[in-house]
Amino acid sequence: KPVWRHLVAVKNQGKTVHFHALPLKRQVVLRRWLAALKRENPPVSREARVCSEHFVEEDYVEERFFESGNLVVRRSNKLKSEAAPSVFDFSSYEVGCTDRPTQSDSACRLHITISP
């Protein structure tokens, strides 16, 4: 059963990016999210969001429905209950600094929006 929904969607370089709330009520999954984010002092709040660019296709629930007599299967914007962000590029982070976005990722503020 999907637990999280996206809050907003924005266009980023021709792609729609959805923002997912942290799973605050599921402590085991929340710890996996926070470990994946690699932030020293992550703000853990209802307003904290992680964008869809940090999840893989398998993290999303598939929608199945019939359209014009044909079965249509497509990815929804709902995350599976066990999903955690896993797509990051930390290669240009400074040693010991885990709270700053990479210099090469100018759109990072769209990717991890976890300010309170």
PDB file of N, CA and C in Angstrom:
ATOM      1  N   LYS A   1       0.847  -1.182   0.000  1.00  0.00           N
ATOM      2  CA  LYS A   1       0.000   0.000   0.000  1.00  0.00           C
ATOM      3  C   LYS A   1       0.890   1.243   0.000  1.00  0.00           C
ATOM      4  N   PRO A   2       0.700   2.163  -0.925  1.00  0.00           N
ATOM      5  CA  PRO A   2       1.556   3.351  -0.969  1.00  0.00           C
ATOM      6  C   PRO A   2       1.319   4.235   0.250  1.00  0.00           C
ATOM      7  N   VAL A   3       2.405   4.800   0.746  1.00  0.00           N
ATOM      8  CA  VAL A   3       2.312   5.618   1.944  1.00  0.00           C
ATOM      9  C   VAL A   3       2.401   7.103   1.626  1.00  0.00           C
ATOM     10  N   TRP A   4       3.243   7.494   0.658  1.00  0.00           N
ATOM     11  CA  TRP A   4       3.499   8.904   0.432  1.00  0.00           C
ATOM     12  C   TRP A   4       2.953   9.377  -0.893  1.00  0.00           C
ATOM     13  N   ARG A   5       2.592  10.611  -0.935  1.00  0.00           N
ATOM     14  CA  ARG A   5       2.190  11.252  -2.186  1.00  0.00           C
ATOM     15  C   ARG A   5       3.106  12.430  -2.417  1.00  0.00           C
ATOM     16  N   HIS A   6       3.131  12.883  -3.649  1.00  0.00           N
ATOM     17  CA  HIS A   6       3.941  14.056  -3.942  1.00  0.00           C
ATOM     18  C   HIS A   6       3.192  15.301  -3.502  1.00  0.00           C
ATOM     19  N   LEU A   7       3.926  16.333  -3.149  1.00  0.00           N
ATOM     20  CA  LEU A   7       3.320  17.588  -2.713  1.00  0.00           C
ATOM     21  C   LEU A   7       3.056  18.498  -3.903  1.00  0.00           C
ATOM     22  N   VAL A   8       4.092  18.748  -4.673  1.00  0.00           N
ATOM     23  CA  VAL A   8       3.971  19.626  -5.827  1.00  0.00           C
ATOM     24  C   VAL A   8       4.766  19.027  -6.972  1.00  0.00           C
ATOM     25  N   ALA A   9       4.509  19.515  -8.144  1.00  0.00           N
ATOM     26  CA  ALA A   9       5.283  19.094  -9.302  1.00  0.00           C
ATOM     27  C   ALA A   9       5.774  20.349 -10.012  1.00  0.00           C
ATOM     28  N   VAL A  10       7.014  20.301 -10.463  1.00  0.00           N
ATOM     29  CA  VAL A  10       7.567  21.419 -11.213  1.00  0.00           C
ATOM     30  C   VAL A  10       8.255  20.881 -12.456  1.00  0.00           C
ATOM     31  N   LYS A  11       8.370  21.708 -13.449  1.00  0.00           N
ATOM     32  CA  LYS A  11       9.091  21.341 -14.655  1.00  0.00           C
ATOM     33  C   LYS A  11      10.552  21.711 -14.463  1.00  0.00           C
ATOM     34  N   ASN A  12      11.442  20.776 -14.725  1.00  0.00           N
ATOM     35  CA  ASN A  12      12.871  21.005 -14.609  1.00  0.00           C
ATOM     36  C   ASN A  12      13.524  20.417 -15.855  1.00  0.00           C
ATOM     37  N   GLN A  13      13.966  21.257 -16.743  1.00  0.00           N
ATOM     38  CA  GLN A  13      14.621  20.846 -17.972  1.00  0.00           C
ATOM     39  C   GLN A  13      13.758  19.850 -18.758  1.00  0.00           C
ATOM     40  N   GLY A  14      12.472  20.176 -18.889  1.00  0.00           N
ATOM     41  CA  GLY A  14      11.570  19.343 -19.670  1.00  0.00           C
ATOM     42  C   GLY A  14      10.985  18.157 -18.940  1.00  0.00           C
ATOM     43  N   LYS A  15      11.393  17.902 -17.711  1.00  0.00           N
ATOM     44  CA  LYS A  15      10.870  16.781 -16.937  1.00  0.00           C
ATOM     45  C   LYS A  15       9.997  17.321 -15.813  1.00  0.00           C
ATOM     46  N   THR A  16       8.984  16.560 -15.451  1.00  0.00           N
ATOM     47  CA  THR A  16       8.180  16.918 -14.288  1.00  0.00           C
ATOM     48  C   THR A  16       8.817  16.288 -13.070  1.00  0.00           C
ATOM     49  N   VAL A  17       9.077  17.088 -12.063  1.00  0.00           N
ATOM     50  CA  VAL A  17       9.702  16.632 -10.829  1.00  0.00           C
ATOM     51  C   VAL A  17       8.669  16.719  -9.715  1.00  0.00           C
ATOM     52  N   HIS A  18       8.477  15.604  -9.011  1.00  0.00           N
ATOM     53  CA  HIS A  18       7.530  15.553  -7.896  1.00  0.00           C
ATOM     54  C   HIS A  18       8.306  15.544  -6.590  1.00  0.00           C
ATOM     55  N   PHE A  19       7.727  16.133  -5.553  1.00  0.00           N
ATOM     56  CA  PHE A  19       8.375  16.198  -4.248  1.00  0.00           C
ATOM     57  C   PHE A  19       7.639  15.317  -3.256  1.00  0.00           C
ATOM     58  N   HIS A  20       8.383  14.425  -2.608  1.00  0.00           N
ATOM     59  CA  HIS A  20       7.808  13.455  -1.676  1.00  0.00           C
ATOM     60  C   HIS A  20       8.162  13.835  -0.234  1.00  0.00           C
ATOM     61  N   ALA A  21       7.167  13.765   0.636  1.00  0.00           N
ATOM     62  CA  ALA A  21       7.374  14.054   2.050  1.00  0.00           C
ATOM     63  C   ALA A  21       8.146  12.921   2.717  1.00  0.00           C
ATOM     64  N   LEU A  22       8.908  13.260   3.755  1.00  0.00           N
ATOM     65  CA  LEU A  22       9.613  12.248   4.518  1.00  0.00           C
ATOM     66  C   LEU A  22       8.584  11.366   5.229  1.00  0.00           C
ATOM     67  N   PRO A  23       8.895  10.065   5.361  1.00  0.00           N
ATOM     68  CA  PRO A  23       7.963   9.129   6.006  1.00  0.00           C
ATOM     69  C   PRO A  23       8.052   9.214   7.530  1.00  0.00           C
ATOM     70  N   LEU A  24       7.563  10.290   8.084  1.00  0.00           N
ATOM     71  CA  LEU A  24       7.737  10.578   9.506  1.00  0.00           C
ATOM     72  C   LEU A  24       7.112   9.541  10.436  1.00  0.00           C
ATOM     73  N   LYS A  25       6.072   8.877  10.005  1.00  0.00           N
ATOM     74  CA  LYS A  25       5.391   7.909  10.869  1.00  0.00           C
ATOM     75  C   LYS A  25       5.975   6.508  10.769  1.00  0.00           C
ATOM     76  N   ARG A  26       6.920   6.299   9.859  1.00  0.00           N
ATOM     77  CA  ARG A  26       7.545   4.983   9.672  1.00  0.00           C
ATOM     78  C   ARG A  26       9.030   5.135   9.982  1.00  0.00           C
ATOM     79  N   GLN A  27       9.393   4.972  11.241  1.00  0.00           N
ATOM     80  CA  GLN A  27      10.743   5.264  11.719  1.00  0.00           C
ATOM     81  C   GLN A  27      11.828   4.443  11.028  1.00  0.00           C
ATOM     82  N   VAL A  28      11.582   3.191  10.733  1.00  0.00           N
ATOM     83  CA  VAL A  28      12.599   2.360  10.067  1.00  0.00           C
ATOM     84  C   VAL A  28      12.896   2.913   8.674  1.00  0.00           C
ATOM     85  N   VAL A  29      11.855   3.238   7.941  1.00  0.00           N
ATOM     86  CA  VAL A  29      12.031   3.774   6.588  1.00  0.00           C
ATOM     87  C   VAL A  29      12.607   5.181   6.656  1.00  0.00           C
ATOM     88  N   LEU A  30      12.182   5.982   7.621  1.00  0.00           N
ATOM     89  CA  LEU A  30      12.727   7.333   7.795  1.00  0.00           C
ATOM     90  C   LEU A  30      14.233   7.279   8.016  1.00  0.00           C
ATOM     91  N   ARG A  31      14.707   6.349   8.836  1.00  0.00           N
ATOM     92  CA  ARG A  31      16.155   6.223   9.064  1.00  0.00           C
ATOM     93  C   ARG A  31      16.886   5.901   7.762  1.00  0.00           C
ATOM     94  N   ARG A  32      16.285   5.075   6.901  1.00  0.00           N
ATOM     95  CA  ARG A  32      16.897   4.771   5.599  1.00  0.00           C
ATOM     96  C   ARG A  32      16.962   6.017   4.732  1.00  0.00           C
ATOM     97  N   TRP A  33      15.893   6.838   4.735  1.00  0.00           N
ATOM     98  CA  TRP A  33      15.888   8.084   3.970  1.00  0.00           C
ATOM     99  C   TRP A  33      16.995   9.002   4.470  1.00  0.00           C
ATOM    100  N   LEU A  34      17.080   9.185   5.777  1.00  0.00           N
ATOM    101  CA  LEU A  34      18.064  10.114   6.334  1.00  0.00           C
ATOM    102  C   LEU A  34      19.485   9.631   6.081  1.00  0.00           C
ATOM    103  N   ALA A  35      19.714   8.337   6.165  1.00  0.00           N
ATOM    104  CA  ALA A  35      21.041   7.787   5.851  1.00  0.00           C
ATOM    105  C   ALA A  35      21.387   8.039   4.390  1.00  0.00           C
ATOM    106  N   ALA A  36      20.416   7.875   3.505  1.00  0.00           N
ATOM    107  CA  ALA A  36      20.652   8.079   2.072  1.00  0.00           C
ATOM    108  C   ALA A  36      20.960   9.534   1.755  1.00  0.00           C
ATOM    109  N   LEU A  37      20.337  10.458   2.480  1.00  0.00           N
ATOM    110  CA  LEU A  37      20.549  11.883   2.229  1.00  0.00           C
ATOM    111  C   LEU A  37      21.929  12.361   2.658  1.00  0.00           C
ATOM    112  N   LYS A  38      22.559  11.654   3.587  1.00  0.00           N
ATOM    113  CA  LYS A  38      23.911  11.979   4.059  1.00  0.00           C
ATOM    114  C   LYS A  38      24.033  13.435   4.500  1.00  0.00           C
ATOM    115  N   ARG A  39      23.126  13.861   5.335  1.00  0.00           N
ATOM    116  CA  ARG A  39      23.180  15.226   5.861  1.00  0.00           C
ATOM    117  C   ARG A  39      23.461  15.149   7.353  1.00  0.00           C
ATOM    118  N   GLU A  40      24.336  16.005   7.834  1.00  0.00           N
ATOM    119  CA  GLU A  40      24.695  15.987   9.243  1.00  0.00           C
ATOM    120  C   GLU A  40      23.517  16.332  10.147  1.00  0.00           C
ATOM    121  N   ASN A  41      22.782  17.351   9.807  1.00  0.00           N
ATOM    122  CA  ASN A  41      21.646  17.797  10.616  1.00  0.00           C
ATOM    123  C   ASN A  41      20.414  17.971   9.739  1.00  0.00           C
ATOM    124  N   PRO A  42      19.848  16.864   9.294  1.00  0.00           N
ATOM    125  CA  PRO A  42      18.700  17.002   8.390  1.00  0.00           C
ATOM    126  C   PRO A  42      17.486  17.545   9.130  1.00  0.00           C
ATOM    127  N   PRO A  43      16.826  18.526   8.557  1.00  0.00           N
ATOM    128  CA  PRO A  43      15.604  19.008   9.182  1.00  0.00           C
ATOM    129  C   PRO A  43      14.503  17.968   8.961  1.00  0.00           C
ATOM    130  N   VAL A  44      14.014  17.419  10.030  1.00  0.00           N
ATOM    131  CA  VAL A  44      12.982  16.401   9.954  1.00  0.00           C
ATOM    132  C   VAL A  44      11.674  17.069  10.344  1.00  0.00           C
ATOM    133  N   SER A  45      10.870  17.371   9.339  1.00  0.00           N
ATOM    134  CA  SER A  45       9.607  18.059   9.594  1.00  0.00           C
ATOM    135  C   SER A  45       8.583  17.664   8.547  1.00  0.00           C
ATOM    136  N   ARG A  46       7.352  18.070   8.771  1.00  0.00           N
ATOM    137  CA  ARG A  46       6.285  17.783   7.807  1.00  0.00           C
ATOM    138  C   ARG A  46       6.520  18.509   6.489  1.00  0.00           C
ATOM    139  N   GLU A  47       7.282  19.586   6.505  1.00  0.00           N
ATOM    140  CA  GLU A  47       7.546  20.359   5.292  1.00  0.00           C
ATOM    141  C   GLU A  47       8.700  19.809   4.467  1.00  0.00           C
ATOM    142  N   ALA A  48       9.509  18.932   5.037  1.00  0.00           N
ATOM    143  CA  ALA A  48      10.686  18.394   4.348  1.00  0.00           C
ATOM    144  C   ALA A  48      10.263  17.536   3.155  1.00  0.00           C
ATOM    145  N   ARG A  49      10.969  17.696   2.035  1.00  0.00           N
ATOM    146  CA  ARG A  49      10.649  16.984   0.800  1.00  0.00           C
ATOM    147  C   ARG A  49      11.919  16.500   0.111  1.00  0.00           C
ATOM    148  N   VAL A  50      11.787  15.402  -0.616  1.00  0.00           N
ATOM    149  CA  VAL A  50      12.846  14.889  -1.487  1.00  0.00           C
ATOM    150  C   VAL A  50      12.211  14.696  -2.861  1.00  0.00           C
ATOM    151  N   CYS A  51      12.906  15.148  -3.896  1.00  0.00           N
ATOM    152  CA  CYS A  51      12.292  15.105  -5.222  1.00  0.00           C
ATOM    153  C   CYS A  51      12.414  13.734  -5.878  1.00  0.00           C
ATOM    154  N   SER A  52      11.581  13.536  -6.875  1.00  0.00           N
ATOM    155  CA  SER A  52      11.485  12.256  -7.567  1.00  0.00           C
ATOM    156  C   SER A  52      12.757  11.867  -8.313  1.00  0.00           C
ATOM    157  N   GLU A  53      13.655  12.805  -8.564  1.00  0.00           N
ATOM    158  CA  GLU A  53      14.910  12.497  -9.251  1.00  0.00           C
ATOM    159  C   GLU A  53      15.797  11.570  -8.418  1.00  0.00           C
ATOM    160  N   HIS A  54      15.513  11.425  -7.127  1.00  0.00           N
ATOM    161  CA  HIS A  54      16.342  10.607  -6.241  1.00  0.00           C
ATOM    162  C   HIS A  54      15.770   9.209  -6.011  1.00  0.00           C
ATOM    163  N   PHE A  55      14.765   8.839  -6.799  1.00  0.00           N
ATOM    164  CA  PHE A  55      14.150   7.524  -6.692  1.00  0.00           C
ATOM    165  C   PHE A  55      14.255   6.810  -8.040  1.00  0.00           C
ATOM    166  N   VAL A  56      14.280   5.474  -8.007  1.00  0.00           N
ATOM    167  CA  VAL A  56      14.322   4.674  -9.232  1.00  0.00           C
ATOM    168  C   VAL A  56      12.906   4.226  -9.586  1.00  0.00           C
ATOM    169  N   GLU A  57      12.720   3.804 -10.821  1.00  0.00           N
ATOM    170  CA  GLU A  57      11.401   3.380 -11.314  1.00  0.00           C
ATOM    171  C   GLU A  57      10.749   2.342 -10.395  1.00  0.00           C
ATOM    172  N   GLU A  58      11.552   1.419  -9.886  1.00  0.00           N
ATOM    173  CA  GLU A  58      11.029   0.335  -9.054  1.00  0.00           C
ATOM    174  C   GLU A  58      10.468   0.823  -7.724  1.00  0.00           C
ATOM    175  N   ASP A  59      10.762   2.051  -7.337  1.00  0.00           N
ATOM    176  CA  ASP A  59      10.253   2.614  -6.083  1.00  0.00           C
ATOM    177  C   ASP A  59       8.795   3.044  -6.175  1.00  0.00           C
ATOM    178  N   TYR A  60       8.267   3.118  -7.384  1.00  0.00           N
ATOM    179  CA  TYR A  60       6.914   3.642  -7.588  1.00  0.00           C
ATOM    180  C   TYR A  60       5.891   2.532  -7.800  1.00  0.00           C
ATOM    181  N   VAL A  61       4.678   2.800  -7.361  1.00  0.00           N
ATOM    182  CA  VAL A  61       3.553   1.890  -7.551  1.00  0.00           C
ATOM    183  C   VAL A  61       3.120   1.958  -9.009  1.00  0.00           C
ATOM    184  N   GLU A  62       2.826   0.812  -9.587  1.00  0.00           N
ATOM    185  CA  GLU A  62       2.307   0.769 -10.960  1.00  0.00           C
ATOM    186  C   GLU A  62       0.790   0.902 -10.930  1.00  0.00           C
ATOM    187  N   GLU A  63       0.266   1.674 -11.864  1.00  0.00           N
ATOM    188  CA  GLU A  63      -1.179   1.775 -12.044  1.00  0.00           C
ATOM    189  C   GLU A  63      -1.560   0.872 -13.197  1.00  0.00           C
ATOM    190  N   ARG A  64      -2.628   0.119 -13.046  1.00  0.00           N
ATOM    191  CA  ARG A  64      -3.126  -0.760 -14.106  1.00  0.00           C
ATOM    192  C   ARG A  64      -4.590  -0.422 -14.333  1.00  0.00           C
ATOM    193  N   PHE A  65      -4.932  -0.199 -15.578  1.00  0.00           N
ATOM    194  CA  PHE A  65      -6.319   0.099 -15.913  1.00  0.00           C
ATOM    195  C   PHE A  65      -6.562  -0.233 -17.375  1.00  0.00           C
ATOM    196  N   PHE A  66      -7.819  -0.359 -17.713  1.00  0.00           N
ATOM    197  CA  PHE A  66      -8.190  -0.631 -19.096  1.00  0.00           C
ATOM    198  C   PHE A  66      -8.577   0.668 -19.779  1.00  0.00           C
ATOM    199  N   GLU A  67      -8.059   0.848 -20.974  1.00  0.00           N
ATOM    200  CA  GLU A  67      -8.387   2.013 -21.784  1.00  0.00           C
ATOM    201  C   GLU A  67      -8.659   1.523 -23.195  1.00  0.00           C
ATOM    202  N   SER A  68      -9.851   1.773 -23.676  1.00  0.00           N
ATOM    203  CA  SER A  68     -10.263   1.316 -25.013  1.00  0.00           C
ATOM    204  C   SER A  68     -10.074  -0.187 -25.177  1.00  0.00           C
ATOM    205  N   GLY A  69     -10.370  -0.937 -24.126  1.00  0.00           N
ATOM    206  CA  GLY A  69     -10.262  -2.391 -24.177  1.00  0.00           C
ATOM    207  C   GLY A  69      -8.862  -2.943 -24.003  1.00  0.00           C
ATOM    208  N   ASN A  70      -7.867  -2.087 -23.805  1.00  0.00           N
ATOM    209  CA  ASN A  70      -6.479  -2.537 -23.630  1.00  0.00           C
ATOM    210  C   ASN A  70      -6.013  -2.277 -22.204  1.00  0.00           C
ATOM    211  N   LEU A  71      -5.255  -3.222 -21.677  1.00  0.00           N
ATOM    212  CA  LEU A  71      -4.671  -3.046 -20.357  1.00  0.00           C
ATOM    213  C   LEU A  71      -3.508  -2.068 -20.458  1.00  0.00           C
ATOM    214  N   VAL A  72      -3.561  -1.019 -19.650  1.00  0.00           N
ATOM    215  CA  VAL A  72      -2.495  -0.019 -19.631  1.00  0.00           C
ATOM    216  C   VAL A  72      -1.796  -0.117 -18.274  1.00  0.00           C
ATOM    217  N   VAL A  73      -0.481  -0.215 -18.294  1.00  0.00           N
ATOM    218  CA  VAL A  73       0.320  -0.253 -17.074  1.00  0.00           C
ATOM    219  C   VAL A  73       1.272   0.921 -17.136  1.00  0.00           C
ATOM    220  N   ARG A  74       1.248   1.766 -16.100  1.00  0.00           N
ATOM    221  CA  ARG A  74       2.167   2.901 -16.065  1.00  0.00           C
ATOM    222  C   ARG A  74       2.569   3.192 -14.632  1.00  0.00           C
ATOM    223  N   ARG A  75       3.662   3.883 -14.502  1.00  0.00           N
ATOM    224  CA  ARG A  75       4.164   4.270 -13.188  1.00  0.00           C
ATOM    225  C   ARG A  75       3.304   5.395 -12.643  1.00  0.00           C
ATOM    226  N   SER A  76       2.893   5.267 -11.398  1.00  0.00           N
ATOM    227  CA  SER A  76       2.169   6.346 -10.739  1.00  0.00           C
ATOM    228  C   SER A  76       3.189   7.286 -10.106  1.00  0.00           C
ATOM    229  N   ASN A  77       2.736   8.301  -9.428  1.00  0.00           N
ATOM    230  CA  ASN A  77       3.630   9.196  -8.683  1.00  0.00           C
ATOM    231  C   ASN A  77       3.650   8.843  -7.204  1.00  0.00           C
ATOM    232  N   LYS A  78       3.091   7.696  -6.852  1.00  0.00           N
ATOM    233  CA  LYS A  78       3.039   7.240  -5.465  1.00  0.00           C
ATOM    234  C   LYS A  78       4.196   6.284  -5.204  1.00  0.00           C
ATOM    235  N   LEU A  79       4.888   6.510  -4.104  1.00  0.00           N
ATOM    236  CA  LEU A  79       5.998   5.636  -3.734  1.00  0.00           C
ATOM    237  C   LEU A  79       5.494   4.389  -3.031  1.00  0.00           C
ATOM    238  N   LYS A  80       6.204   3.277  -3.228  1.00  0.00           N
ATOM    239  CA  LYS A  80       5.928   2.064  -2.465  1.00  0.00           C
ATOM    240  C   LYS A  80       6.298   2.326  -1.008  1.00  0.00           C
ATOM    241  N   SER A  81       5.676   1.609  -0.095  1.00  0.00           N
ATOM    242  CA  SER A  81       5.866   1.873   1.332  1.00  0.00           C
ATOM    243  C   SER A  81       7.307   1.686   1.790  1.00  0.00           C
ATOM    244  N   GLU A  82       8.069   0.805   1.142  1.00  0.00           N
ATOM    245  CA  GLU A  82       9.445   0.552   1.563  1.00  0.00           C
ATOM    246  C   GLU A  82      10.472   1.387   0.801  1.00  0.00           C
ATOM    247  N   ALA A  83      10.020   2.204  -0.137  1.00  0.00           N
ATOM    248  CA  ALA A  83      10.934   2.974  -0.992  1.00  0.00           C
ATOM    249  C   ALA A  83      11.729   3.996  -0.199  1.00  0.00           C
ATOM    250  N   ALA A  84      12.976   4.171  -0.605  1.00  0.00           N
ATOM    251  CA  ALA A  84      13.855   5.191  -0.021  1.00  0.00           C
ATOM    252  C   ALA A  84      14.663   5.800  -1.164  1.00  0.00           C
ATOM    253  N   PRO A  85      15.027   7.066  -1.052  1.00  0.00           N
ATOM    254  CA  PRO A  85      15.829   7.679  -2.112  1.00  0.00           C
ATOM    255  C   PRO A  85      17.177   6.972  -2.242  1.00  0.00           C
ATOM    256  N   SER A  86      17.634   6.812  -3.480  1.00  0.00           N
ATOM    257  CA  SER A  86      18.903   6.097  -3.676  1.00  0.00           C
ATOM    258  C   SER A  86      19.752   6.675  -4.799  1.00  0.00           C
ATOM    259  N   VAL A  87      19.263   7.671  -5.510  1.00  0.00           N
ATOM    260  CA  VAL A  87      19.993   8.216  -6.648  1.00  0.00           C
ATOM    261  C   VAL A  87      20.602   9.554  -6.243  1.00  0.00           C
ATOM    262  N   PHE A  88      21.910   9.541  -5.984  1.00  0.00           N
ATOM    263  CA  PHE A  88      22.635  10.742  -5.577  1.00  0.00           C
ATOM    264  C   PHE A  88      24.006  10.749  -6.220  1.00  0.00           C
ATOM    265  N   ASP A  89      24.553  11.926  -6.417  1.00  0.00           N
ATOM    266  CA  ASP A  89      25.926  12.072  -6.881  1.00  0.00           C
ATOM    267  C   ASP A  89      26.653  12.926  -5.862  1.00  0.00           C
ATOM    268  N   PHE A  90      27.377  12.272  -4.956  1.00  0.00           N
ATOM    269  CA  PHE A  90      28.106  12.976  -3.919  1.00  0.00           C
ATOM    270  C   PHE A  90      29.571  13.183  -4.303  1.00  0.00           C
ATOM    271  N   SER A  91      29.919  12.938  -5.560  1.00  0.00           N
ATOM    272  CA  SER A  91      31.316  12.956  -5.973  1.00  0.00           C
ATOM    273  C   SER A  91      31.997  14.312  -5.816  1.00  0.00           C
ATOM    274  N   SER A  92      31.261  15.406  -5.896  1.00  0.00           N
ATOM    275  CA  SER A  92      31.921  16.707  -5.797  1.00  0.00           C
ATOM    276  C   SER A  92      31.710  17.379  -4.437  1.00  0.00           C
ATOM    277  N   TYR A  93      31.206  16.649  -3.449  1.00  0.00           N
ATOM    278  CA  TYR A  93      31.089  17.204  -2.109  1.00  0.00           C
ATOM    279  C   TYR A  93      32.468  17.361  -1.499  1.00  0.00           C
ATOM    280  N   GLU A  94      32.626  18.356  -0.657  1.00  0.00           N
ATOM    281  CA  GLU A  94      33.881  18.522   0.062  1.00  0.00           C
ATOM    282  C   GLU A  94      33.933  17.488   1.180  1.00  0.00           C
ATOM    283  N   VAL A  95      35.119  17.030   1.507  1.00  0.00           N
ATOM    284  CA  VAL A  95      35.292  16.050   2.567  1.00  0.00           C
ATOM    285  C   VAL A  95      34.772  16.644   3.873  1.00  0.00           C
ATOM    286  N   GLY A  96      33.954  15.875   4.566  1.00  0.00           N
ATOM    287  CA  GLY A  96      33.422  16.308   5.852  1.00  0.00           C
ATOM    288  C   GLY A  96      32.224  17.231   5.760  1.00  0.00           C
ATOM    289  N   CYS A  97      31.847  17.658   4.594  1.00  0.00           N
ATOM    290  CA  CYS A  97      30.713  18.572   4.442  1.00  0.00           C
ATOM    291  C   CYS A  97      29.584  17.827   3.748  1.00  0.00           C
ATOM    292  N   THR A  98      28.565  17.464   4.501  1.00  0.00           N
ATOM    293  CA  THR A  98      27.476  16.695   3.909  1.00  0.00           C
ATOM    294  C   THR A  98      26.209  17.503   3.747  1.00  0.00           C
ATOM    295  N   ASP A  99      26.204  18.748   4.152  1.00  0.00           N
ATOM    296  CA  ASP A  99      24.986  19.546   4.069  1.00  0.00           C
ATOM    297  C   ASP A  99      24.938  20.483   2.881  1.00  0.00           C
ATOM    298  N   ARG A 100      25.963  20.481   2.033  1.00  0.00           N
ATOM    299  CA  ARG A 100      25.958  21.400   0.901  1.00  0.00           C
ATOM    300  C   ARG A 100      25.698  20.665  -0.402  1.00  0.00           C
ATOM    301  N   PRO A 101      24.966  21.268  -1.319  1.00  0.00           N
ATOM    302  CA  PRO A 101      24.755  20.627  -2.620  1.00  0.00           C
ATOM    303  C   PRO A 101      26.037  20.628  -3.425  1.00  0.00           C
ATOM    304  N   THR A 102      26.082  19.768  -4.421  1.00  0.00           N
ATOM    305  CA  THR A 102      27.265  19.705  -5.262  1.00  0.00           C
ATOM    306  C   THR A 102      27.378  20.973  -6.096  1.00  0.00           C
ATOM    307  N   GLN A 103      28.587  21.371  -6.400  1.00  0.00           N
ATOM    308  CA  GLN A 103      28.821  22.540  -7.235  1.00  0.00           C
ATOM    309  C   GLN A 103      28.317  22.301  -8.648  1.00  0.00           C
ATOM    310  N   SER A 104      28.395  21.048  -9.105  1.00  0.00           N
ATOM    311  CA  SER A 104      28.015  20.744 -10.486  1.00  0.00           C
ATOM    312  C   SER A 104      26.506  20.653 -10.684  1.00  0.00           C
ATOM    313  N   ASP A 105      25.754  20.579  -9.612  1.00  0.00           N
ATOM    314  CA  ASP A 105      24.309  20.419  -9.718  1.00  0.00           C
ATOM    315  C   ASP A 105      23.612  21.716  -9.370  1.00  0.00           C
ATOM    316  N   SER A 106      23.485  22.593 -10.348  1.00  0.00           N
ATOM    317  CA  SER A 106      22.891  23.906 -10.096  1.00  0.00           C
ATOM    318  C   SER A 106      21.413  23.824  -9.758  1.00  0.00           C
ATOM    319  N   ALA A 107      20.750  22.719 -10.095  1.00  0.00           N
ATOM    320  CA  ALA A 107      19.319  22.577  -9.795  1.00  0.00           C
ATOM    321  C   ALA A 107      19.089  21.806  -8.513  1.00  0.00           C
ATOM    322  N   CYS A 108      20.118  21.637  -7.695  1.00  0.00           N
ATOM    323  CA  CYS A 108      20.001  20.836  -6.504  1.00  0.00           C
ATOM    324  C   CYS A 108      18.888  21.321  -5.577  1.00  0.00           C
ATOM    325  N   ARG A 109      18.648  22.600  -5.529  1.00  0.00           N
ATOM    326  CA  ARG A 109      17.594  23.084  -4.641  1.00  0.00           C
ATOM    327  C   ARG A 109      16.242  22.517  -5.027  1.00  0.00           C
ATOM    328  N   LEU A 110      16.092  22.055  -6.268  1.00  0.00           N
ATOM    329  CA  LEU A 110      14.864  21.386  -6.677  1.00  0.00           C
ATOM    330  C   LEU A 110      14.868  19.919  -6.263  1.00  0.00           C
ATOM    331  N   HIS A 111      16.048  19.359  -6.084  1.00  0.00           N
ATOM    332  CA  HIS A 111      16.149  17.942  -5.829  1.00  0.00           C
ATOM    333  C   HIS A 111      15.955  17.567  -4.374  1.00  0.00           C
ATOM    334  N   ILE A 112      16.561  18.296  -3.472  1.00  0.00           N
ATOM    335  CA  ILE A 112      16.398  18.015  -2.058  1.00  0.00           C
ATOM    336  C   ILE A 112      15.911  19.293  -1.401  1.00  0.00           C
ATOM    337  N   THR A 113      14.642  19.358  -1.179  1.00  0.00           N
ATOM    338  CA  THR A 113      14.062  20.544  -0.564  1.00  0.00           C
ATOM    339  C   THR A 113      13.671  20.141   0.846  1.00  0.00           C
ATOM    340  N   ILE A 114      14.615  20.236   1.766  1.00  0.00           N
ATOM    341  CA  ILE A 114      14.315  19.801   3.116  1.00  0.00           C
ATOM    342  C   ILE A 114      14.576  20.889   4.135  1.00  0.00           C
ATOM    343  N   SER A 115      14.340  22.112   3.730  1.00  0.00           N
ATOM    344  CA  SER A 115      14.456  23.182   4.704  1.00  0.00           C
ATOM    345  C   SER A 115      13.143  23.313   5.453  1.00  0.00           C
ATOM    346  N   PRO A 116      13.192  23.635   6.731  1.00  0.00           N
ATOM    347  CA  PRO A 116      11.970  23.699   7.543  1.00  0.00           C
ATOM    348  C   PRO A 116      11.039  24.811   7.105  1.00  0.00           C
TER     349      PRO A 116
END
